[in-house]
């Protein structure tokens, strides 16, 4: 949260709910889910937040996403793969 607040304030200020699902780093199913006004669900793996936040910013700058008034989900929890649904 501190990394997002400090380095990505334009993303962080829109976050409204944060939930942890099995928040142990060694649990392969662990995740952190963020809800925001614009994105219904953003899912993070509980490690390497810096890279996940970079991918999120890059994705949100893409035309299909930057022009969407709302986004259903973005899942960054699968390594370098990103799954998103507008």
PDB file of N, CA and C in Angstrom:
ATOM      1  N   UNK A   1       0.821  -1.183   0.000  1.00  0.00           N
ATOM      2  CA  UNK A   1       0.000   0.000   0.000  1.00  0.00           C
ATOM      3  C   UNK A   1       0.874   1.258   0.000  1.00  0.00           C
ATOM      4  N   UNK A   2       1.930   1.228   0.777  1.00  0.00           N
ATOM      5  CA  UNK A   2       2.816   2.390   0.849  1.00  0.00           C
ATOM      6  C   UNK A   2       3.450   2.666  -0.512  1.00  0.00           C
ATOM      7  N   UNK A   3       3.878   1.608  -1.206  1.00  0.00           N
ATOM      8  CA  UNK A   3       4.475   1.771  -2.538  1.00  0.00           C
ATOM      9  C   UNK A   3       3.474   2.412  -3.496  1.00  0.00           C
ATOM     10  N   UNK A   4       2.248   1.938  -3.498  1.00  0.00           N
ATOM     11  CA  UNK A   4       1.225   2.500  -4.388  1.00  0.00           C
ATOM     12  C   UNK A   4       0.920   3.950  -4.021  1.00  0.00           C
ATOM     13  N   UNK A   5       0.800   4.229  -2.746  1.00  0.00           N
ATOM     14  CA  UNK A   5       0.493   5.596  -2.312  1.00  0.00           C
ATOM     15  C   UNK A   5       1.614   6.564  -2.685  1.00  0.00           C
ATOM     16  N   UNK A   6       2.857   6.110  -2.533  1.00  0.00           N
ATOM     17  CA  UNK A   6       4.006   6.977  -2.801  1.00  0.00           C
ATOM     18  C   UNK A   6       4.302   7.129  -4.296  1.00  0.00           C
ATOM     19  N   UNK A   7       4.339   6.003  -5.038  1.00  0.00           N
ATOM     20  CA  UNK A   7       4.804   6.025  -6.433  1.00  0.00           C
ATOM     21  C   UNK A   7       3.688   6.066  -7.476  1.00  0.00           C
ATOM     22  N   UNK A   8       2.469   5.716  -7.090  1.00  0.00           N
ATOM     23  CA  UNK A   8       1.351   5.678  -8.041  1.00  0.00           C
ATOM     24  C   UNK A   8       0.118   6.349  -7.442  1.00  0.00           C
ATOM     25  N   UNK A   9       0.237   7.604  -7.008  1.00  0.00           N
ATOM     26  CA  UNK A   9      -0.906   8.256  -6.340  1.00  0.00           C
ATOM     27  C   UNK A   9      -2.147   8.352  -7.220  1.00  0.00           C
ATOM     28  N   UNK A  10      -1.953   8.462  -8.525  1.00  0.00           N
ATOM     29  CA  UNK A  10      -3.109   8.548  -9.427  1.00  0.00           C
ATOM     30  C   UNK A  10      -3.914   7.249  -9.446  1.00  0.00           C
ATOM     31  N   UNK A  11      -3.284   6.134  -9.154  1.00  0.00           N
ATOM     32  CA  UNK A  11      -3.987   4.859  -9.036  1.00  0.00           C
ATOM     33  C   UNK A  11      -4.535   4.683  -7.623  1.00  0.00           C
ATOM     34  N   UNK A  12      -3.705   4.957  -6.654  1.00  0.00           N
ATOM     35  CA  UNK A  12      -4.033   4.712  -5.246  1.00  0.00           C
ATOM     36  C   UNK A  12      -5.232   5.529  -4.768  1.00  0.00           C
ATOM     37  N   UNK A  13      -5.339   6.769  -5.169  1.00  0.00           N
ATOM     38  CA  UNK A  13      -6.391   7.642  -4.633  1.00  0.00           C
ATOM     39  C   UNK A  13      -7.789   7.151  -4.984  1.00  0.00           C
ATOM     40  N   UNK A  14      -7.921   6.285  -5.974  1.00  0.00           N
ATOM     41  CA  UNK A  14      -9.221   5.768  -6.388  1.00  0.00           C
ATOM     42  C   UNK A  14      -9.583   4.459  -5.668  1.00  0.00           C
ATOM     43  N   UNK A  15      -8.645   3.874  -4.925  1.00  0.00           N
ATOM     44  CA  UNK A  15      -8.911   2.602  -4.252  1.00  0.00           C
ATOM     45  C   UNK A  15      -9.854   2.808  -3.085  1.00  0.00           C
ATOM     46  N   UNK A  16     -10.860   1.921  -2.970  1.00  0.00           N
ATOM     47  CA  UNK A  16     -11.832   2.069  -1.900  1.00  0.00           C
ATOM     48  C   UNK A  16     -11.844   0.887  -0.931  1.00  0.00           C
ATOM     49  N   UNK A  17     -11.573  -0.315  -1.394  1.00  0.00           N
ATOM     50  CA  UNK A  17     -11.614  -1.504  -0.538  1.00  0.00           C
ATOM     51  C   UNK A  17     -10.393  -2.356  -0.828  1.00  0.00           C
ATOM     52  N   UNK A  18      -9.755  -2.821   0.220  1.00  0.00           N
ATOM     53  CA  UNK A  18      -8.616  -3.726   0.084  1.00  0.00           C
ATOM     54  C   UNK A  18      -8.935  -4.973   0.884  1.00  0.00           C
ATOM     55  N   UNK A  19      -8.795  -6.152   0.266  1.00  0.00           N
ATOM     56  CA  UNK A  19      -9.022  -7.397   1.007  1.00  0.00           C
ATOM     57  C   UNK A  19      -7.883  -8.367   0.731  1.00  0.00           C
ATOM     58  N   UNK A  20      -7.574  -9.147   1.730  1.00  0.00           N
ATOM     59  CA  UNK A  20      -6.501 -10.136   1.642  1.00  0.00           C
ATOM     60  C   UNK A  20      -7.117 -11.524   1.639  1.00  0.00           C
ATOM     61  N   UNK A  21      -6.708 -12.342   0.698  1.00  0.00           N
ATOM     62  CA  UNK A  21      -7.177 -13.716   0.619  1.00  0.00           C
ATOM     63  C   UNK A  21      -5.980 -14.636   0.835  1.00  0.00           C
ATOM     64  N   UNK A  22      -5.961 -15.311   1.960  1.00  0.00           N
ATOM     65  CA  UNK A  22      -4.855 -16.224   2.292  1.00  0.00           C
ATOM     66  C   UNK A  22      -3.518 -15.494   2.144  1.00  0.00           C
ATOM     67  N   UNK A  23      -3.285 -14.443   2.924  1.00  0.00           N
ATOM     68  CA  UNK A  23      -2.142 -13.544   2.699  1.00  0.00           C
ATOM     69  C   UNK A  23      -0.791 -14.056   3.190  1.00  0.00           C
ATOM     70  N   UNK A  24      -0.452 -15.252   2.824  1.00  0.00           N
ATOM     71  CA  UNK A  24       0.863 -15.783   3.174  1.00  0.00           C
ATOM     72  C   UNK A  24       1.694 -15.882   1.914  1.00  0.00           C
ATOM     73  N   UNK A  25       2.893 -15.321   1.932  1.00  0.00           N
ATOM     74  CA  UNK A  25       3.735 -15.269   0.741  1.00  0.00           C
ATOM     75  C   UNK A  25       3.996 -16.637   0.124  1.00  0.00           C
ATOM     76  N   UNK A  26       4.050 -17.678   0.937  1.00  0.00           N
ATOM     77  CA  UNK A  26       4.356 -19.004   0.403  1.00  0.00           C
ATOM     78  C   UNK A  26       3.107 -19.776  -0.022  1.00  0.00           C
ATOM     79  N   UNK A  27       1.940 -19.175   0.052  1.00  0.00           N
ATOM     80  CA  UNK A  27       0.693 -19.809  -0.367  1.00  0.00           C
ATOM     81  C   UNK A  27       0.452 -19.475  -1.841  1.00  0.00           C
ATOM     82  N   UNK A  28       0.436 -20.461  -2.737  1.00  0.00           N
ATOM     83  CA  UNK A  28       0.265 -20.162  -4.166  1.00  0.00           C
ATOM     84  C   UNK A  28      -1.085 -19.526  -4.506  1.00  0.00           C
ATOM     85  N   UNK A  29      -2.062 -19.647  -3.633  1.00  0.00           N
ATOM     86  CA  UNK A  29      -3.366 -19.043  -3.891  1.00  0.00           C
ATOM     87  C   UNK A  29      -3.554 -17.699  -3.218  1.00  0.00           C
ATOM     88  N   UNK A  30      -2.513 -17.196  -2.588  1.00  0.00           N
ATOM     89  CA  UNK A  30      -2.619 -15.918  -1.881  1.00  0.00           C
ATOM     90  C   UNK A  30      -2.837 -14.776  -2.861  1.00  0.00           C
ATOM     91  N   UNK A  31      -3.664 -13.809  -2.456  1.00  0.00           N
ATOM     92  CA  UNK A  31      -3.889 -12.650  -3.318  1.00  0.00           C
ATOM     93  C   UNK A  31      -4.386 -11.477  -2.492  1.00  0.00           C
ATOM     94  N   UNK A  32      -4.238 -10.309  -3.064  1.00  0.00           N
ATOM     95  CA  UNK A  32      -4.764  -9.081  -2.495  1.00  0.00           C
ATOM     96  C   UNK A  32      -5.674  -8.486  -3.563  1.00  0.00           C
ATOM     97  N   UNK A  33      -6.888  -8.151  -3.175  1.00  0.00           N
ATOM     98  CA  UNK A  33      -7.856  -7.607  -4.120  1.00  0.00           C
ATOM     99  C   UNK A  33      -8.194  -6.174  -3.736  1.00  0.00           C
ATOM    100  N   UNK A  34      -8.152  -5.317  -4.735  1.00  0.00           N
ATOM    101  CA  UNK A  34      -8.465  -3.905  -4.565  1.00  0.00           C
ATOM    102  C   UNK A  34      -9.731  -3.607  -5.363  1.00  0.00           C
ATOM    103  N   UNK A  35     -10.616  -2.843  -4.781  1.00  0.00           N
ATOM    104  CA  UNK A  35     -11.774  -2.333  -5.508  1.00  0.00           C
ATOM    105  C   UNK A  35     -11.609  -0.825  -5.594  1.00  0.00           C
ATOM    106  N   UNK A  36     -11.978  -0.291  -6.731  1.00  0.00           N
ATOM    107  CA  UNK A  36     -11.891   1.156  -6.897  1.00  0.00           C
ATOM    108  C   UNK A  36     -13.169   1.654  -7.559  1.00  0.00           C
ATOM    109  N   UNK A  37     -13.267   2.952  -7.688  1.00  0.00           N
ATOM    110  CA  UNK A  37     -14.455   3.524  -8.323  1.00  0.00           C
ATOM    111  C   UNK A  37     -14.551   3.128  -9.789  1.00  0.00           C
ATOM    112  N   UNK A  38     -13.422   2.986 -10.445  1.00  0.00           N
ATOM    113  CA  UNK A  38     -13.405   2.699 -11.877  1.00  0.00           C
ATOM    114  C   UNK A  38     -13.212   1.223 -12.201  1.00  0.00           C
ATOM    115  N   UNK A  39     -12.490   0.510 -11.339  1.00  0.00           N
ATOM    116  CA  UNK A  39     -12.180  -0.905 -11.579  1.00  0.00           C
ATOM    117  C   UNK A  39     -12.812  -1.735 -10.473  1.00  0.00           C
ATOM    118  N   UNK A  40     -13.686  -2.641 -10.859  1.00  0.00           N
ATOM    119  CA  UNK A  40     -14.402  -3.453  -9.875  1.00  0.00           C
ATOM    120  C   UNK A  40     -13.467  -4.350  -9.078  1.00  0.00           C
ATOM    121  N   UNK A  41     -12.421  -4.893  -9.719  1.00  0.00           N
ATOM    122  CA  UNK A  41     -11.518  -5.803  -9.018  1.00  0.00           C
ATOM    123  C   UNK A  41     -10.124  -5.762  -9.643  1.00  0.00           C
ATOM    124  N   UNK A  42      -9.133  -5.463  -8.804  1.00  0.00           N
ATOM    125  CA  UNK A  42      -7.727  -5.539  -9.206  1.00  0.00           C
ATOM    126  C   UNK A  42      -7.085  -6.554  -8.283  1.00  0.00           C
ATOM    127  N   UNK A  43      -6.544  -7.605  -8.843  1.00  0.00           N
ATOM    128  CA  UNK A  43      -5.968  -8.676  -8.031  1.00  0.00           C
ATOM    129  C   UNK A  43      -4.450  -8.673  -8.164  1.00  0.00           C
ATOM    130  N   UNK A  44      -3.769  -8.674  -7.003  1.00  0.00           N
ATOM    131  CA  UNK A  44      -2.312  -8.683  -6.931  1.00  0.00           C
ATOM    132  C   UNK A  44      -1.829  -9.951  -6.247  1.00  0.00           C
ATOM    133  N   UNK A  45      -0.650 -10.404  -6.619  1.00  0.00           N
ATOM    134  CA  UNK A  45       0.071 -11.430  -5.879  1.00  0.00           C
ATOM    135  C   UNK A  45       0.766 -10.703  -4.732  1.00  0.00           C
ATOM    136  N   UNK A  46       0.855 -11.307  -3.529  1.00  0.00           N
ATOM    137  CA  UNK A  46       1.452 -10.581  -2.408  1.00  0.00           C
ATOM    138  C   UNK A  46       2.977 -10.499  -2.432  1.00  0.00           C
ATOM    139  N   UNK A  47       3.549 -10.401  -3.601  1.00  0.00           N
ATOM    140  CA  UNK A  47       4.995 -10.175  -3.725  1.00  0.00           C
ATOM    141  C   UNK A  47       5.263  -9.415  -5.015  1.00  0.00           C
ATOM    142  N   UNK A  48       6.387  -8.742  -5.074  1.00  0.00           N
ATOM    143  CA  UNK A  48       6.816  -8.011  -6.260  1.00  0.00           C
ATOM    144  C   UNK A  48       5.771  -6.990  -6.732  1.00  0.00           C
ATOM    145  N   UNK A  49       5.295  -6.195  -5.785  1.00  0.00           N
ATOM    146  CA  UNK A  49       4.285  -5.182  -6.104  1.00  0.00           C
ATOM    147  C   UNK A  49       4.765  -4.165  -7.127  1.00  0.00           C
ATOM    148  N   UNK A  50       6.028  -3.824  -7.077  1.00  0.00           N
ATOM    149  CA  UNK A  50       6.539  -2.786  -7.992  1.00  0.00           C
ATOM    150  C   UNK A  50       6.287  -3.165  -9.446  1.00  0.00           C
ATOM    151  N   UNK A  51       6.597  -4.388  -9.822  1.00  0.00           N
ATOM    152  CA  UNK A  51       6.368  -4.818 -11.211  1.00  0.00           C
ATOM    153  C   UNK A  51       4.889  -4.903 -11.542  1.00  0.00           C
ATOM    154  N   UNK A  52       4.088  -5.349 -10.600  1.00  0.00           N
ATOM    155  CA  UNK A  52       2.649  -5.436 -10.850  1.00  0.00           C
ATOM    156  C   UNK A  52       2.034  -4.046 -11.033  1.00  0.00           C
ATOM    157  N   UNK A  53       2.471  -3.094 -10.239  1.00  0.00           N
ATOM    158  CA  UNK A  53       1.967  -1.730 -10.380  1.00  0.00           C
ATOM    159  C   UNK A  53       2.420  -1.094 -11.692  1.00  0.00           C
ATOM    160  N   UNK A  54       3.636  -1.393 -12.140  1.00  0.00           N
ATOM    161  CA  UNK A  54       4.094  -0.907 -13.453  1.00  0.00           C
ATOM    162  C   UNK A  54       3.212  -1.457 -14.562  1.00  0.00           C
ATOM    163  N   UNK A  55       2.892  -2.765 -14.490  1.00  0.00           N
ATOM    164  CA  UNK A  55       2.026  -3.375 -15.510  1.00  0.00           C
ATOM    165  C   UNK A  55       0.619  -2.772 -15.463  1.00  0.00           C
ATOM    166  N   UNK A  56       0.128  -2.505 -14.269  1.00  0.00           N
ATOM    167  CA  UNK A  56      -1.199  -1.904 -14.137  1.00  0.00           C
ATOM    168  C   UNK A  56      -1.227  -0.513 -14.780  1.00  0.00           C
ATOM    169  N   UNK A  57      -0.251   0.303 -14.471  1.00  0.00           N
ATOM    170  CA  UNK A  57      -0.202   1.649 -15.069  1.00  0.00           C
ATOM    171  C   UNK A  57      -0.116   1.555 -16.599  1.00  0.00           C
ATOM    172  N   UNK A  58       0.740   0.672 -17.110  1.00  0.00           N
ATOM    173  CA  UNK A  58       0.886   0.494 -18.556  1.00  0.00           C
ATOM    174  C   UNK A  58      -0.453   0.089 -19.176  1.00  0.00           C
ATOM    175  N   UNK A  59      -1.135  -0.871 -18.568  1.00  0.00           N
ATOM    176  CA  UNK A  59      -2.411  -1.348 -19.090  1.00  0.00           C
ATOM    177  C   UNK A  59      -3.446  -0.226 -19.095  1.00  0.00           C
ATOM    178  N   UNK A  60      -3.509   0.545 -18.030  1.00  0.00           N
ATOM    179  CA  UNK A  60      -4.503   1.612 -17.950  1.00  0.00           C
ATOM    180  C   UNK A  60      -4.227   2.748 -18.925  1.00  0.00           C
ATOM    181  N   UNK A  61      -3.009   2.832 -19.447  1.00  0.00           N
ATOM    182  CA  UNK A  61      -2.684   3.832 -20.471  1.00  0.00           C
ATOM    183  C   UNK A  61      -3.042   3.366 -21.880  1.00  0.00           C
ATOM    184  N   UNK A  62      -3.337   2.091 -22.038  1.00  0.00           N
ATOM    185  CA  UNK A  62      -3.739   1.565 -23.345  1.00  0.00           C
ATOM    186  C   UNK A  62      -5.094   2.161 -23.736  1.00  0.00           C
ATOM    187  N   UNK A  63      -5.312   2.491 -25.016  1.00  0.00           N
ATOM    188  CA  UNK A  63      -6.553   3.155 -25.443  1.00  0.00           C
ATOM    189  C   UNK A  63      -7.838   2.458 -25.018  1.00  0.00           C
ATOM    190  N   UNK A  64      -7.912   1.144 -25.148  1.00  0.00           N
ATOM    191  CA  UNK A  64      -9.147   0.453 -24.777  1.00  0.00           C
ATOM    192  C   UNK A  64      -9.480   0.641 -23.306  1.00  0.00           C
ATOM    193  N   UNK A  65      -8.464   0.691 -22.473  1.00  0.00           N
ATOM    194  CA  UNK A  65      -8.690   0.833 -21.041  1.00  0.00           C
ATOM    195  C   UNK A  65      -8.787   2.299 -20.623  1.00  0.00           C
ATOM    196  N   UNK A  66      -7.989   3.163 -21.211  1.00  0.00           N
ATOM    197  CA  UNK A  66      -8.025   4.571 -20.814  1.00  0.00           C
ATOM    198  C   UNK A  66      -9.353   5.223 -21.190  1.00  0.00           C
ATOM    199  N   UNK A  67     -10.022   4.712 -22.220  1.00  0.00           N
ATOM    200  CA  UNK A  67     -11.291   5.283 -22.655  1.00  0.00           C
ATOM    201  C   UNK A  67     -12.508   4.619 -22.010  1.00  0.00           C
ATOM    202  N   UNK A  68     -12.300   3.506 -21.332  1.00  0.00           N
ATOM    203  CA  UNK A  68     -13.414   2.797 -20.695  1.00  0.00           C
ATOM    204  C   UNK A  68     -13.856   3.540 -19.437  1.00  0.00           C
ATOM    205  N   UNK A  69     -15.152   3.708 -19.279  1.00  0.00           N
ATOM    206  CA  UNK A  69     -15.653   4.394 -18.086  1.00  0.00           C
ATOM    207  C   UNK A  69     -15.582   3.496 -16.857  1.00  0.00           C
ATOM    208  N   UNK A  70     -15.667   2.188 -17.076  1.00  0.00           N
ATOM    209  CA  UNK A  70     -15.484   1.244 -15.978  1.00  0.00           C
ATOM    210  C   UNK A  70     -14.831  -0.027 -16.520  1.00  0.00           C
ATOM    211  N   UNK A  71     -14.118  -0.694 -15.641  1.00  0.00           N
ATOM    212  CA  UNK A  71     -13.398  -1.918 -16.003  1.00  0.00           C
ATOM    213  C   UNK A  71     -13.830  -3.005 -15.028  1.00  0.00           C
ATOM    214  N   UNK A  72     -14.193  -4.155 -15.560  1.00  0.00           N
ATOM    215  CA  UNK A  72     -14.685  -5.239 -14.708  1.00  0.00           C
ATOM    216  C   UNK A  72     -13.580  -5.795 -13.808  1.00  0.00           C
ATOM    217  N   UNK A  73     -12.453  -6.213 -14.408  1.00  0.00           N
ATOM    218  CA  UNK A  73     -11.404  -6.804 -13.576  1.00  0.00           C
ATOM    219  C   UNK A  73     -10.043  -6.753 -14.263  1.00  0.00           C
ATOM    220  N   UNK A  74      -9.009  -6.708 -13.417  1.00  0.00           N
ATOM    221  CA  UNK A  74      -7.622  -6.815 -13.861  1.00  0.00           C
ATOM    222  C   UNK A  74      -6.934  -7.737 -12.872  1.00  0.00           C
ATOM    223  N   UNK A  75      -6.335  -8.802 -13.380  1.00  0.00           N
ATOM    224  CA  UNK A  75      -5.652  -9.771 -12.525  1.00  0.00           C
ATOM    225  C   UNK A  75      -4.164  -9.769 -12.854  1.00  0.00           C
ATOM    226  N   UNK A  76      -3.365  -9.293 -11.919  1.00  0.00           N
ATOM    227  CA  UNK A  76      -1.910  -9.193 -12.079  1.00  0.00           C
ATOM    228  C   UNK A  76      -1.187 -10.266 -11.283  1.00  0.00           C
ATOM    229  N   UNK A  77      -1.914 -11.220 -10.736  1.00  0.00           N
ATOM    230  CA  UNK A  77      -1.345 -12.179  -9.784  1.00  0.00           C
ATOM    231  C   UNK A  77      -0.674 -13.391 -10.416  1.00  0.00           C
ATOM    232  N   UNK A  78      -0.579 -13.441 -11.734  1.00  0.00           N
ATOM    233  CA  UNK A  78      -0.038 -14.618 -12.430  1.00  0.00           C
ATOM    234  C   UNK A  78       1.307 -14.341 -13.085  1.00  0.00           C
ATOM    235  N   UNK A  79       2.245 -13.853 -12.322  1.00  0.00           N
ATOM    236  CA  UNK A  79       3.565 -13.589 -12.881  1.00  0.00           C
ATOM    237  C   UNK A  79       3.513 -12.477 -13.911  1.00  0.00           C
ATOM    238  N   UNK A  80       4.106 -12.715 -15.076  1.00  0.00           N
ATOM    239  CA  UNK A  80       4.157 -11.688 -16.113  1.00  0.00           C
ATOM    240  C   UNK A  80       2.863 -11.573 -16.922  1.00  0.00           C
ATOM    241  N   UNK A  81       1.953 -12.527 -16.761  1.00  0.00           N
ATOM    242  CA  UNK A  81       0.688 -12.497 -17.476  1.00  0.00           C
ATOM    243  C   UNK A  81      -0.304 -11.564 -16.769  1.00  0.00           C
ATOM    244  N   UNK A  82      -1.105 -10.885 -17.579  1.00  0.00           N
ATOM    245  CA  UNK A  82      -2.156 -10.022 -17.039  1.00  0.00           C
ATOM    246  C   UNK A  82      -3.460 -10.429 -17.703  1.00  0.00           C
ATOM    247  N   UNK A  83      -4.479 -10.633 -16.892  1.00  0.00           N
ATOM    248  CA  UNK A  83      -5.802 -10.962 -17.401  1.00  0.00           C
ATOM    249  C   UNK A  83      -6.716  -9.805 -17.076  1.00  0.00           C
ATOM    250  N   UNK A  84      -7.411  -9.293 -18.085  1.00  0.00           N
ATOM    251  CA  UNK A  84      -8.260  -8.124 -17.883  1.00  0.00           C
ATOM    252  C   UNK A  84      -9.568  -8.282 -18.637  1.00  0.00           C
ATOM    253  N   UNK A  85     -10.603  -7.680 -18.073  1.00  0.00           N
ATOM    254  CA  UNK A  85     -11.931  -7.731 -18.693  1.00  0.00           C
ATOM    255  C   UNK A  85     -12.579  -6.354 -18.555  1.00  0.00           C
ATOM    256  N   UNK A  86     -12.921  -5.784 -19.704  1.00  0.00           N
ATOM    257  CA  UNK A  86     -13.582  -4.475 -19.707  1.00  0.00           C
ATOM    258  C   UNK A  86     -15.084  -4.697 -19.576  1.00  0.00           C
TER     259      UNK A  86
END
